[in-house]
């Protein structure tokens, strides 16, 4: 298991085990924070679907009132939360899901 996957371990299931389709406990909790007209956001959602990771999508512009952090912090989109671990940008997500 690489260091990134190890850091994303949960009580009974690691991201490595989940993405590699190894047996594990509970499904992962994943949220993808997107912005409109973002090709990398679309690519991230497609990658998660290919890997079999179910996720909730949040458009931070449409839901600005509850996502002010996205405007204050100026993160690289998409921002993906996998069991509480934050990943910014499509390339970083690809590395995590290797």
PDB file of N, CA and C in Angstrom:
ATOM      1  N   UNK A   1       0.857  -1.172   0.000  1.00  0.00           N
ATOM      2  CA  UNK A   1       0.000   0.000   0.000  1.00  0.00           C
ATOM      3  C   UNK A   1       0.899   1.230   0.000  1.00  0.00           C
ATOM      4  N   UNK A   2       0.605   2.192  -0.900  1.00  0.00           N
ATOM      5  CA  UNK A   2       1.432   3.393  -0.917  1.00  0.00           C
ATOM      6  C   UNK A   2       1.065   4.310   0.240  1.00  0.00           C
ATOM      7  N   UNK A   3       1.893   5.321   0.487  1.00  0.00           N
ATOM      8  CA  UNK A   3       1.702   6.196   1.651  1.00  0.00           C
ATOM      9  C   UNK A   3       0.382   6.948   1.587  1.00  0.00           C
ATOM     10  N   UNK A   4      -0.026   7.354   0.375  1.00  0.00           N
ATOM     11  CA  UNK A   4      -1.285   8.086   0.248  1.00  0.00           C
ATOM     12  C   UNK A   4      -2.453   7.206   0.642  1.00  0.00           C
ATOM     13  N   UNK A   5      -2.481   5.989   0.127  1.00  0.00           N
ATOM     14  CA  UNK A   5      -3.568   5.079   0.465  1.00  0.00           C
ATOM     15  C   UNK A   5      -3.555   4.755   1.943  1.00  0.00           C
ATOM     16  N   UNK A   6      -2.361   4.582   2.510  1.00  0.00           N
ATOM     17  CA  UNK A   6      -2.266   4.273   3.935  1.00  0.00           C
ATOM     18  C   UNK A   6      -2.824   5.420   4.766  1.00  0.00           C
ATOM     19  N   UNK A   7      -2.585   6.661   4.349  1.00  0.00           N
ATOM     20  CA  UNK A   7      -3.069   7.802   5.122  1.00  0.00           C
ATOM     21  C   UNK A   7      -4.579   7.941   5.056  1.00  0.00           C
ATOM     22  N   UNK A   8      -5.205   7.303   4.078  1.00  0.00           N
ATOM     23  CA  UNK A   8      -6.651   7.389   3.937  1.00  0.00           C
ATOM     24  C   UNK A   8      -7.365   6.188   4.532  1.00  0.00           C
ATOM     25  N   UNK A   9      -6.660   5.394   5.298  1.00  0.00           N
ATOM     26  CA  UNK A   9      -7.292   4.229   5.916  1.00  0.00           C
ATOM     27  C   UNK A   9      -8.398   4.651   6.861  1.00  0.00           C
ATOM     28  N   UNK A  10      -9.439   3.832   6.895  1.00  0.00           N
ATOM     29  CA  UNK A  10     -10.546   4.083   7.801  1.00  0.00           C
ATOM     30  C   UNK A  10     -10.588   2.938   8.797  1.00  0.00           C
ATOM     31  N   UNK A  11     -11.622   2.876   9.617  1.00  0.00           N
ATOM     32  CA  UNK A  11     -11.719   1.824  10.625  1.00  0.00           C
ATOM     33  C   UNK A  11     -11.589   0.432  10.013  1.00  0.00           C
ATOM     34  N   UNK A  12     -12.317   0.163   8.946  1.00  0.00           N
ATOM     35  CA  UNK A  12     -12.320  -1.202   8.428  1.00  0.00           C
ATOM     36  C   UNK A  12     -11.979  -1.300   6.950  1.00  0.00           C
ATOM     37  N   UNK A  13     -11.716  -0.189   6.296  1.00  0.00           N
ATOM     38  CA  UNK A  13     -11.509  -0.233   4.850  1.00  0.00           C
ATOM     39  C   UNK A  13     -10.578   0.895   4.437  1.00  0.00           C
ATOM     40  N   UNK A  14      -9.600   0.604   3.602  1.00  0.00           N
ATOM     41  CA  UNK A  14      -8.716   1.649   3.103  1.00  0.00           C
ATOM     42  C   UNK A  14      -9.119   1.999   1.677  1.00  0.00           C
ATOM     43  N   UNK A  15      -8.738   3.194   1.232  1.00  0.00           N
ATOM     44  CA  UNK A  15      -9.011   3.586  -0.146  1.00  0.00           C
ATOM     45  C   UNK A  15      -8.327   2.619  -1.097  1.00  0.00           C
ATOM     46  N   UNK A  16      -7.128   2.166  -0.742  1.00  0.00           N
ATOM     47  CA  UNK A  16      -6.427   1.204  -1.594  1.00  0.00           C
ATOM     48  C   UNK A  16      -7.251  -0.054  -1.775  1.00  0.00           C
ATOM     49  N   UNK A  17      -7.748  -0.599  -0.697  1.00  0.00           N
ATOM     50  CA  UNK A  17      -8.553  -1.816  -0.779  1.00  0.00           C
ATOM     51  C   UNK A  17      -9.810  -1.568  -1.586  1.00  0.00           C
ATOM     52  N   UNK A  18     -10.428  -0.418  -1.359  1.00  0.00           N
ATOM     53  CA  UNK A  18     -11.677  -0.111  -2.055  1.00  0.00           C
ATOM     54  C   UNK A  18     -11.435   0.020  -3.550  1.00  0.00           C
ATOM     55  N   UNK A  19     -10.428   0.808  -3.947  1.00  0.00           N
ATOM     56  CA  UNK A  19     -10.192   1.048  -5.367  1.00  0.00           C
ATOM     57  C   UNK A  19      -9.642  -0.189  -6.063  1.00  0.00           C
ATOM     58  N   UNK A  20      -8.979  -1.057  -5.320  1.00  0.00           N
ATOM     59  CA  UNK A  20      -8.446  -2.283  -5.903  1.00  0.00           C
ATOM     60  C   UNK A  20      -9.477  -3.411  -5.887  1.00  0.00           C
ATOM     61  N   UNK A  21     -10.672  -3.135  -5.364  1.00  0.00           N
ATOM     62  CA  UNK A  21     -11.755  -4.100  -5.288  1.00  0.00           C
ATOM     63  C   UNK A  21     -11.434  -5.252  -4.347  1.00  0.00           C
ATOM     64  N   UNK A  22     -10.681  -4.960  -3.307  1.00  0.00           N
ATOM     65  CA  UNK A  22     -10.403  -5.963  -2.298  1.00  0.00           C
ATOM     66  C   UNK A  22     -11.543  -5.963  -1.291  1.00  0.00           C
ATOM     67  N   UNK A  23     -11.798  -7.071  -0.645  1.00  0.00           N
ATOM     68  CA  UNK A  23     -12.872  -7.090   0.344  1.00  0.00           C
ATOM     69  C   UNK A  23     -12.583  -6.106   1.471  1.00  0.00           C
ATOM     70  N   UNK A  24     -13.599  -5.395   1.878  1.00  0.00           N
ATOM     71  CA  UNK A  24     -13.447  -4.485   3.005  1.00  0.00           C
ATOM     72  C   UNK A  24     -14.812  -4.242   3.617  1.00  0.00           C
ATOM     73  N   UNK A  25     -14.826  -3.459   4.686  1.00  0.00           N
ATOM     74  CA  UNK A  25     -16.059  -3.209   5.420  1.00  0.00           C
ATOM     75  C   UNK A  25     -16.966  -2.221   4.730  1.00  0.00           C
ATOM     76  N   UNK A  26     -17.253  -1.147   5.407  1.00  0.00           N
ATOM     77  CA  UNK A  26     -18.211  -0.167   4.928  1.00  0.00           C
ATOM     78  C   UNK A  26     -17.735   0.534   3.665  1.00  0.00           C
ATOM     79  N   UNK A  27     -18.726   0.987   2.856  1.00  0.00           N
ATOM     80  CA  UNK A  27     -18.414   1.767   1.662  1.00  0.00           C
ATOM     81  C   UNK A  27     -17.857   3.117   2.089  1.00  0.00           C
ATOM     82  N   UNK A  28     -17.088   3.726   1.205  1.00  0.00           N
ATOM     83  CA  UNK A  28     -16.477   5.017   1.512  1.00  0.00           C
ATOM     84  C   UNK A  28     -17.493   6.138   1.429  1.00  0.00           C
ATOM     85  N   UNK A  29     -17.241   7.181   2.173  1.00  0.00           N
ATOM     86  CA  UNK A  29     -18.032   8.389   2.140  1.00  0.00           C
ATOM     87  C   UNK A  29     -17.281   9.368   1.244  1.00  0.00           C
ATOM     88  N   UNK A  30     -17.830   9.676   0.062  1.00  0.00           N
ATOM     89  CA  UNK A  30     -17.136  10.544  -0.885  1.00  0.00           C
ATOM     90  C   UNK A  30     -18.036  11.701  -1.308  1.00  0.00           C
ATOM     91  N   UNK A  31     -17.438  12.898  -1.340  1.00  0.00           N
ATOM     92  CA  UNK A  31     -18.128  14.095  -1.815  1.00  0.00           C
ATOM     93  C   UNK A  31     -17.204  14.806  -2.791  1.00  0.00           C
ATOM     94  N   UNK A  32     -17.759  15.198  -3.951  1.00  0.00           N
ATOM     95  CA  UNK A  32     -16.999  15.922  -4.964  1.00  0.00           C
ATOM     96  C   UNK A  32     -17.545  17.348  -5.024  1.00  0.00           C
ATOM     97  N   UNK A  33     -16.695  18.306  -4.696  1.00  0.00           N
ATOM     98  CA  UNK A  33     -17.069  19.715  -4.761  1.00  0.00           C
ATOM     99  C   UNK A  33     -16.622  20.245  -6.114  1.00  0.00           C
ATOM    100  N   UNK A  34     -17.581  20.764  -6.890  1.00  0.00           N
ATOM    101  CA  UNK A  34     -17.319  21.182  -8.261  1.00  0.00           C
ATOM    102  C   UNK A  34     -17.690  22.645  -8.467  1.00  0.00           C
ATOM    103  N   UNK A  35     -17.257  23.168  -9.618  1.00  0.00           N
ATOM    104  CA  UNK A  35     -17.669  24.485 -10.085  1.00  0.00           C
ATOM    105  C   UNK A  35     -18.191  24.300 -11.507  1.00  0.00           C
ATOM    106  N   UNK A  36     -19.048  25.201 -11.983  1.00  0.00           N
ATOM    107  CA  UNK A  36     -19.606  25.063 -13.336  1.00  0.00           C
ATOM    108  C   UNK A  36     -18.528  25.104 -14.420  1.00  0.00           C
ATOM    109  N   UNK A  37     -18.794  24.398 -15.509  1.00  0.00           N
ATOM    110  CA  UNK A  37     -17.926  24.401 -16.694  1.00  0.00           C
ATOM    111  C   UNK A  37     -16.487  24.022 -16.379  1.00  0.00           C
ATOM    112  N   UNK A  38     -16.321  22.990 -15.575  1.00  0.00           N
ATOM    113  CA  UNK A  38     -14.999  22.556 -15.128  1.00  0.00           C
ATOM    114  C   UNK A  38     -14.697  21.169 -15.712  1.00  0.00           C
ATOM    115  N   UNK A  39     -13.868  21.101 -16.761  1.00  0.00           N
ATOM    116  CA  UNK A  39     -13.549  19.807 -17.366  1.00  0.00           C
ATOM    117  C   UNK A  39     -12.886  18.827 -16.388  1.00  0.00           C
ATOM    118  N   UNK A  40     -12.041  19.333 -15.507  1.00  0.00           N
ATOM    119  CA  UNK A  40     -11.370  18.452 -14.537  1.00  0.00           C
ATOM    120  C   UNK A  40     -12.376  17.897 -13.533  1.00  0.00           C
ATOM    121  N   UNK A  41     -13.404  18.668 -13.212  1.00  0.00           N
ATOM    122  CA  UNK A  41     -14.455  18.185 -12.314  1.00  0.00           C
ATOM    123  C   UNK A  41     -15.210  17.029 -12.977  1.00  0.00           C
ATOM    124  N   UNK A  42     -15.528  17.192 -14.255  1.00  0.00           N
ATOM    125  CA  UNK A  42     -16.211  16.124 -15.001  1.00  0.00           C
ATOM    126  C   UNK A  42     -15.340  14.881 -15.091  1.00  0.00           C
ATOM    127  N   UNK A  43     -14.045  15.085 -15.315  1.00  0.00           N
ATOM    128  CA  UNK A  43     -13.118  13.950 -15.397  1.00  0.00           C
ATOM    129  C   UNK A  43     -13.023  13.226 -14.059  1.00  0.00           C
ATOM    130  N   UNK A  44     -13.022  13.970 -12.968  1.00  0.00           N
ATOM    131  CA  UNK A  44     -12.944  13.365 -11.634  1.00  0.00           C
ATOM    132  C   UNK A  44     -14.189  12.520 -11.360  1.00  0.00           C
ATOM    133  N   UNK A  45     -15.353  13.033 -11.698  1.00  0.00           N
ATOM    134  CA  UNK A  45     -16.590  12.277 -11.485  1.00  0.00           C
ATOM    135  C   UNK A  45     -16.587  10.996 -12.325  1.00  0.00           C
ATOM    136  N   UNK A  46     -16.112  11.088 -13.556  1.00  0.00           N
ATOM    137  CA  UNK A  46     -16.038   9.909 -14.420  1.00  0.00           C
ATOM    138  C   UNK A  46     -15.060   8.876 -13.844  1.00  0.00           C
ATOM    139  N   UNK A  47     -13.929   9.344 -13.336  1.00  0.00           N
ATOM    140  CA  UNK A  47     -12.938   8.442 -12.735  1.00  0.00           C
ATOM    141  C   UNK A  47     -13.521   7.722 -11.522  1.00  0.00           C
ATOM    142  N   UNK A  48     -14.182   8.459 -10.652  1.00  0.00           N
ATOM    143  CA  UNK A  48     -14.797   7.840  -9.480  1.00  0.00           C
ATOM    144  C   UNK A  48     -15.828   6.798  -9.887  1.00  0.00           C
ATOM    145  N   UNK A  49     -16.624   7.097 -10.903  1.00  0.00           N
ATOM    146  CA  UNK A  49     -17.618   6.130 -11.383  1.00  0.00           C
ATOM    147  C   UNK A  49     -16.931   4.876 -11.910  1.00  0.00           C
ATOM    148  N   UNK A  50     -15.850   5.059 -12.703  1.00  0.00           N
ATOM    149  CA  UNK A  50     -15.111   3.897 -13.232  1.00  0.00           C
ATOM    150  C   UNK A  50     -14.547   3.040 -12.114  1.00  0.00           C
ATOM    151  N   UNK A  51     -14.133   3.669 -11.034  1.00  0.00           N
ATOM    152  CA  UNK A  51     -13.567   2.939  -9.899  1.00  0.00           C
ATOM    153  C   UNK A  51     -14.641   2.365  -8.982  1.00  0.00           C
ATOM    154  N   UNK A  52     -15.908   2.672  -9.275  1.00  0.00           N
ATOM    155  CA  UNK A  52     -17.000   2.140  -8.468  1.00  0.00           C
ATOM    156  C   UNK A  52     -17.210   2.871  -7.156  1.00  0.00           C
ATOM    157  N   UNK A  53     -16.717   4.102  -7.062  1.00  0.00           N
ATOM    158  CA  UNK A  53     -16.870   4.885  -5.842  1.00  0.00           C
ATOM    159  C   UNK A  53     -18.127   5.748  -5.966  1.00  0.00           C
ATOM    160  N   UNK A  54     -19.091   5.503  -5.105  1.00  0.00           N
ATOM    161  CA  UNK A  54     -20.293   6.329  -5.089  1.00  0.00           C
ATOM    162  C   UNK A  54     -19.966   7.638  -4.398  1.00  0.00           C
ATOM    163  N   UNK A  55     -20.549   8.729  -4.906  1.00  0.00           N
ATOM    164  CA  UNK A  55     -20.224  10.035  -4.346  1.00  0.00           C
ATOM    165  C   UNK A  55     -21.421  10.975  -4.433  1.00  0.00           C
ATOM    166  N   UNK A  56     -21.350  11.993  -3.617  1.00  0.00           N
ATOM    167  CA  UNK A  56     -22.309  13.092  -3.650  1.00  0.00           C
ATOM    168  C   UNK A  56     -21.601  14.249  -4.336  1.00  0.00           C
ATOM    169  N   UNK A  57     -22.285  14.935  -5.245  1.00  0.00           N
ATOM    170  CA  UNK A  57     -21.709  16.102  -5.905  1.00  0.00           C
ATOM    171  C   UNK A  57     -22.296  17.371  -5.301  1.00  0.00           C
ATOM    172  N   UNK A  58     -21.428  18.350  -5.046  1.00  0.00           N
ATOM    173  CA  UNK A  58     -21.858  19.643  -4.532  1.00  0.00           C
ATOM    174  C   UNK A  58     -21.298  20.724  -5.457  1.00  0.00           C
ATOM    175  N   UNK A  59     -22.178  21.495  -6.084  1.00  0.00           N
ATOM    176  CA  UNK A  59     -21.777  22.641  -6.899  1.00  0.00           C
ATOM    177  C   UNK A  59     -21.615  23.812  -5.939  1.00  0.00           C
ATOM    178  N   UNK A  60     -20.378  24.216  -5.685  1.00  0.00           N
ATOM    179  CA  UNK A  60     -20.138  25.234  -4.654  1.00  0.00           C
ATOM    180  C   UNK A  60     -20.667  26.606  -5.061  1.00  0.00           C
ATOM    181  N   UNK A  61     -20.834  26.862  -6.353  1.00  0.00           N
ATOM    182  CA  UNK A  61     -21.382  28.149  -6.789  1.00  0.00           C
ATOM    183  C   UNK A  61     -22.886  28.173  -6.535  1.00  0.00           C
ATOM    184  N   UNK A  62     -23.559  27.097  -6.882  1.00  0.00           N
ATOM    185  CA  UNK A  62     -25.004  27.012  -6.671  1.00  0.00           C
ATOM    186  C   UNK A  62     -25.358  26.978  -5.191  1.00  0.00           C
ATOM    187  N   UNK A  63     -24.445  26.433  -4.388  1.00  0.00           N
ATOM    188  CA  UNK A  63     -24.680  26.318  -2.949  1.00  0.00           C
ATOM    189  C   UNK A  63     -23.668  27.163  -2.169  1.00  0.00           C
ATOM    190  N   UNK A  64     -23.469  28.393  -2.632  1.00  0.00           N
ATOM    191  CA  UNK A  64     -22.448  29.273  -2.060  1.00  0.00           C
ATOM    192  C   UNK A  64     -22.632  29.527  -0.562  1.00  0.00           C
ATOM    193  N   UNK A  65     -23.867  29.668  -0.128  1.00  0.00           N
ATOM    194  CA  UNK A  65     -24.119  29.996   1.277  1.00  0.00           C
ATOM    195  C   UNK A  65     -23.529  28.970   2.236  1.00  0.00           C
ATOM    196  N   UNK A  66     -23.530  27.711   1.844  1.00  0.00           N
ATOM    197  CA  UNK A  66     -23.007  26.660   2.731  1.00  0.00           C
ATOM    198  C   UNK A  66     -21.590  26.223   2.358  1.00  0.00           C
ATOM    199  N   UNK A  67     -21.001  26.852   1.363  1.00  0.00           N
ATOM    200  CA  UNK A  67     -19.657  26.468   0.910  1.00  0.00           C
ATOM    201  C   UNK A  67     -18.746  27.678   0.762  1.00  0.00           C
ATOM    202  N   UNK A  68     -18.828  28.611   1.681  1.00  0.00           N
ATOM    203  CA  UNK A  68     -18.024  29.834   1.624  1.00  0.00           C
ATOM    204  C   UNK A  68     -16.523  29.520   1.623  1.00  0.00           C
ATOM    205  N   UNK A  69     -16.126  28.398   2.237  1.00  0.00           N
ATOM    206  CA  UNK A  69     -14.715  28.004   2.272  1.00  0.00           C
ATOM    207  C   UNK A  69     -14.110  27.970   0.872  1.00  0.00           C
ATOM    208  N   UNK A  70     -14.913  27.577  -0.122  1.00  0.00           N
ATOM    209  CA  UNK A  70     -14.398  27.455  -1.489  1.00  0.00           C
ATOM    210  C   UNK A  70     -13.997  28.813  -2.058  1.00  0.00           C
ATOM    211  N   UNK A  71     -14.625  29.866  -1.583  1.00  0.00           N
ATOM    212  CA  UNK A  71     -14.299  31.206  -2.058  1.00  0.00           C
ATOM    213  C   UNK A  71     -13.216  31.843  -1.202  1.00  0.00           C
ATOM    214  N   UNK A  72     -13.166  31.479   0.064  1.00  0.00           N
ATOM    215  CA  UNK A  72     -12.156  32.017   0.971  1.00  0.00           C
ATOM    216  C   UNK A  72     -10.790  31.375   0.746  1.00  0.00           C
ATOM    217  N   UNK A  73     -10.774  30.067   0.515  1.00  0.00           N
ATOM    218  CA  UNK A  73      -9.510  29.330   0.406  1.00  0.00           C
ATOM    219  C   UNK A  73      -8.952  29.275  -1.014  1.00  0.00           C
ATOM    220  N   UNK A  74      -9.803  29.474  -2.025  1.00  0.00           N
ATOM    221  CA  UNK A  74      -9.397  29.414  -3.427  1.00  0.00           C
ATOM    222  C   UNK A  74      -8.683  28.089  -3.760  1.00  0.00           C
ATOM    223  N   UNK A  75      -9.351  26.952  -3.522  1.00  0.00           N
ATOM    224  CA  UNK A  75      -8.722  25.654  -3.778  1.00  0.00           C
ATOM    225  C   UNK A  75      -8.681  25.313  -5.264  1.00  0.00           C
ATOM    226  N   UNK A  76      -7.924  24.287  -5.600  1.00  0.00           N
ATOM    227  CA  UNK A  76      -7.892  23.759  -6.958  1.00  0.00           C
ATOM    228  C   UNK A  76      -9.053  22.763  -7.083  1.00  0.00           C
ATOM    229  N   UNK A  77      -9.928  22.992  -8.048  1.00  0.00           N
ATOM    230  CA  UNK A  77     -11.075  22.100  -8.234  1.00  0.00           C
ATOM    231  C   UNK A  77     -10.763  21.012  -9.229  1.00  0.00           C
ATOM    232  N   UNK A  78     -11.389  19.848  -9.042  1.00  0.00           N
ATOM    233  CA  UNK A  78     -12.367  19.519  -8.023  1.00  0.00           C
ATOM    234  C   UNK A  78     -11.707  19.269  -6.671  1.00  0.00           C
ATOM    235  N   UNK A  79     -12.473  19.525  -5.618  1.00  0.00           N
ATOM    236  CA  UNK A  79     -12.056  19.147  -4.269  1.00  0.00           C
ATOM    237  C   UNK A  79     -12.847  17.884  -3.945  1.00  0.00           C
ATOM    238  N   UNK A  80     -12.133  16.826  -3.598  1.00  0.00           N
ATOM    239  CA  UNK A  80     -12.786  15.547  -3.309  1.00  0.00           C
ATOM    240  C   UNK A  80     -12.472  15.160  -1.867  1.00  0.00           C
ATOM    241  N   UNK A  81     -13.508  14.878  -1.130  1.00  0.00           N
ATOM    242  CA  UNK A  81     -13.370  14.393   0.247  1.00  0.00           C
ATOM    243  C   UNK A  81     -13.659  12.896   0.235  1.00  0.00           C
ATOM    244  N   UNK A  82     -12.676  12.112   0.622  1.00  0.00           N
ATOM    245  CA  UNK A  82     -12.824  10.653   0.706  1.00  0.00           C
ATOM    246  C   UNK A  82     -12.649  10.258   2.163  1.00  0.00           C
ATOM    247  N   UNK A  83     -13.741   9.912   2.795  1.00  0.00           N
ATOM    248  CA  UNK A  83     -13.720   9.569   4.223  1.00  0.00           C
ATOM    249  C   UNK A  83     -12.983  10.614   5.043  1.00  0.00           C
ATOM    250  N   UNK A  84     -13.243  11.885   4.746  1.00  0.00           N
ATOM    251  CA  UNK A  84     -12.662  12.970   5.520  1.00  0.00           C
ATOM    252  C   UNK A  84     -11.307  13.456   5.041  1.00  0.00           C
ATOM    253  N   UNK A  85     -10.658  12.730   4.136  1.00  0.00           N
ATOM    254  CA  UNK A  85      -9.365  13.156   3.593  1.00  0.00           C
ATOM    255  C   UNK A  85      -9.601  14.007   2.349  1.00  0.00           C
ATOM    256  N   UNK A  86      -8.985  15.184   2.309  1.00  0.00           N
ATOM    257  CA  UNK A  86      -9.217  16.151   1.235  1.00  0.00           C
ATOM    258  C   UNK A  86      -8.171  16.015   0.145  1.00  0.00           C
ATOM    259  N   UNK A  87      -8.650  15.964  -1.102  1.00  0.00           N
ATOM    260  CA  UNK A  87      -7.779  15.939  -2.273  1.00  0.00           C
ATOM    261  C   UNK A  87      -8.198  17.090  -3.174  1.00  0.00           C
ATOM    262  N   UNK A  88      -7.240  17.870  -3.651  1.00  0.00           N
ATOM    263  CA  UNK A  88      -7.539  18.980  -4.544  1.00  0.00           C
ATOM    264  C   UNK A  88      -6.940  18.727  -5.914  1.00  0.00           C
ATOM    265  N   UNK A  89      -7.783  18.845  -6.946  1.00  0.00           N
ATOM    266  CA  UNK A  89      -7.333  18.704  -8.321  1.00  0.00           C
ATOM    267  C   UNK A  89      -7.456  17.282  -8.844  1.00  0.00           C
ATOM    268  N   UNK A  90      -7.651  17.178 -10.146  1.00  0.00           N
ATOM    269  CA  UNK A  90      -7.849  15.880 -10.785  1.00  0.00           C
ATOM    270  C   UNK A  90      -6.596  15.017 -10.733  1.00  0.00           C
ATOM    271  N   UNK A  91      -5.436  15.605 -10.968  1.00  0.00           N
ATOM    272  CA  UNK A  91      -4.196  14.816 -10.966  1.00  0.00           C
ATOM    273  C   UNK A  91      -3.941  14.188  -9.602  1.00  0.00           C
ATOM    274  N   UNK A  92      -4.196  14.932  -8.548  1.00  0.00           N
ATOM    275  CA  UNK A  92      -4.021  14.388  -7.187  1.00  0.00           C
ATOM    276  C   UNK A  92      -4.998  13.238  -6.939  1.00  0.00           C
ATOM    277  N   UNK A  93      -6.225  13.379  -7.428  1.00  0.00           N
ATOM    278  CA  UNK A  93      -7.210  12.316  -7.267  1.00  0.00           C
ATOM    279  C   UNK A  93      -6.769  11.063  -8.006  1.00  0.00           C
ATOM    280  N   UNK A  94      -6.231  11.232  -9.220  1.00  0.00           N
ATOM    281  CA  UNK A  94      -5.731  10.069  -9.967  1.00  0.00           C
ATOM    282  C   UNK A  94      -4.662   9.334  -9.172  1.00  0.00           C
ATOM    283  N   UNK A  95      -3.772  10.064  -8.535  1.00  0.00           N
ATOM    284  CA  UNK A  95      -2.706   9.447  -7.735  1.00  0.00           C
ATOM    285  C   UNK A  95      -3.292   8.652  -6.571  1.00  0.00           C
ATOM    286  N   UNK A  96      -4.269   9.220  -5.903  1.00  0.00           N
ATOM    287  CA  UNK A  96      -4.880   8.554  -4.766  1.00  0.00           C
ATOM    288  C   UNK A  96      -5.582   7.270  -5.195  1.00  0.00           C
ATOM    289  N   UNK A  97      -6.202   7.295  -6.365  1.00  0.00           N
ATOM    290  CA  UNK A  97      -6.985   6.140  -6.825  1.00  0.00           C
ATOM    291  C   UNK A  97      -6.196   5.131  -7.631  1.00  0.00           C
ATOM    292  N   UNK A  98      -4.887   5.280  -7.739  1.00  0.00           N
ATOM    293  CA  UNK A  98      -4.057   4.321  -8.489  1.00  0.00           C
ATOM    294  C   UNK A  98      -4.272   2.925  -7.978  1.00  0.00           C
TER     295      UNK A  98
END
